[in-house]
Amino acid sequence: MWGAETYPTIFTNHPIENLTRAQLRERMEGLASEVVSVLTGA
């Protein structure tokens, strides 16, 4: 991202290392639409 102010980024709350697999999946599902938007340019 250095020098690329318009580079699309997606953030999640931390820490994540203490989350269970189910909690990580839930977090991911909440971010999935943002990921798709970044990848498709929507």
Protein backbone atom coordinates (compact mmCIF):
# COMPACT_ATOMS: atom_id res chain seq x y z
CA MET A 1 0.00 0.00 0.00
CA TRP A 2 3.00 2.29 0.28
CA GLY A 3 2.50 5.08 -2.18
CA ALA A 4 -0.85 3.76 -3.39
CA GLU A 5 -3.40 5.84 -1.52
CA THR A 6 -6.29 4.53 -3.61
CA TYR A 7 -5.36 0.86 -3.16
CA PRO A 8 -8.50 -0.89 -1.86
CA THR A 9 -8.16 -2.32 1.62
CA ILE A 10 -10.41 -4.38 3.84
CA PHE A 11 -10.07 -4.29 7.61
CA THR A 12 -11.26 -6.55 10.39
CA ASN A 13 -11.13 -6.13 14.13
CA HIS A 14 -8.18 -7.64 15.98
CA PRO A 15 -7.10 -9.80 17.65
CA ILE A 16 -8.10 -12.78 15.54
CA GLU A 17 -5.64 -15.40 16.83
CA ASN A 18 -7.87 -16.32 19.76
CA LEU A 19 -11.02 -16.87 17.65
CA THR A 20 -12.41 -20.34 16.99
CA ARG A 21 -12.84 -21.65 13.45
CA ALA A 22 -16.55 -20.91 13.70
CA GLN A 23 -15.88 -17.34 14.80
CA LEU A 24 -13.34 -16.84 11.99
CA ARG A 25 -15.88 -18.17 9.47
CA GLU A 26 -18.50 -15.76 10.80
CA ARG A 27 -16.01 -12.89 10.53
CA MET A 28 -15.11 -13.93 6.98
CA GLU A 29 -18.73 -14.18 5.93
CA GLY A 30 -19.23 -10.62 7.13
CA LEU A 31 -16.33 -9.44 4.96
CA ALA A 32 -17.08 -11.55 1.87
CA SER A 33 -19.17 -8.93 0.10
CA GLU A 34 -16.39 -6.35 0.56
CA VAL A 35 -13.84 -8.79 -0.89
CA VAL A 36 -16.04 -9.41 -3.93
CA SER A 37 -16.49 -5.67 -4.43
CA VAL A 38 -12.73 -5.05 -4.35
CA LEU A 39 -11.99 -7.93 -6.72
CA THR A 40 -14.69 -7.01 -9.22
CA GLY A 41 -14.29 -3.24 -9.00
CA ALA A 42 -17.94 -2.87 -8.02
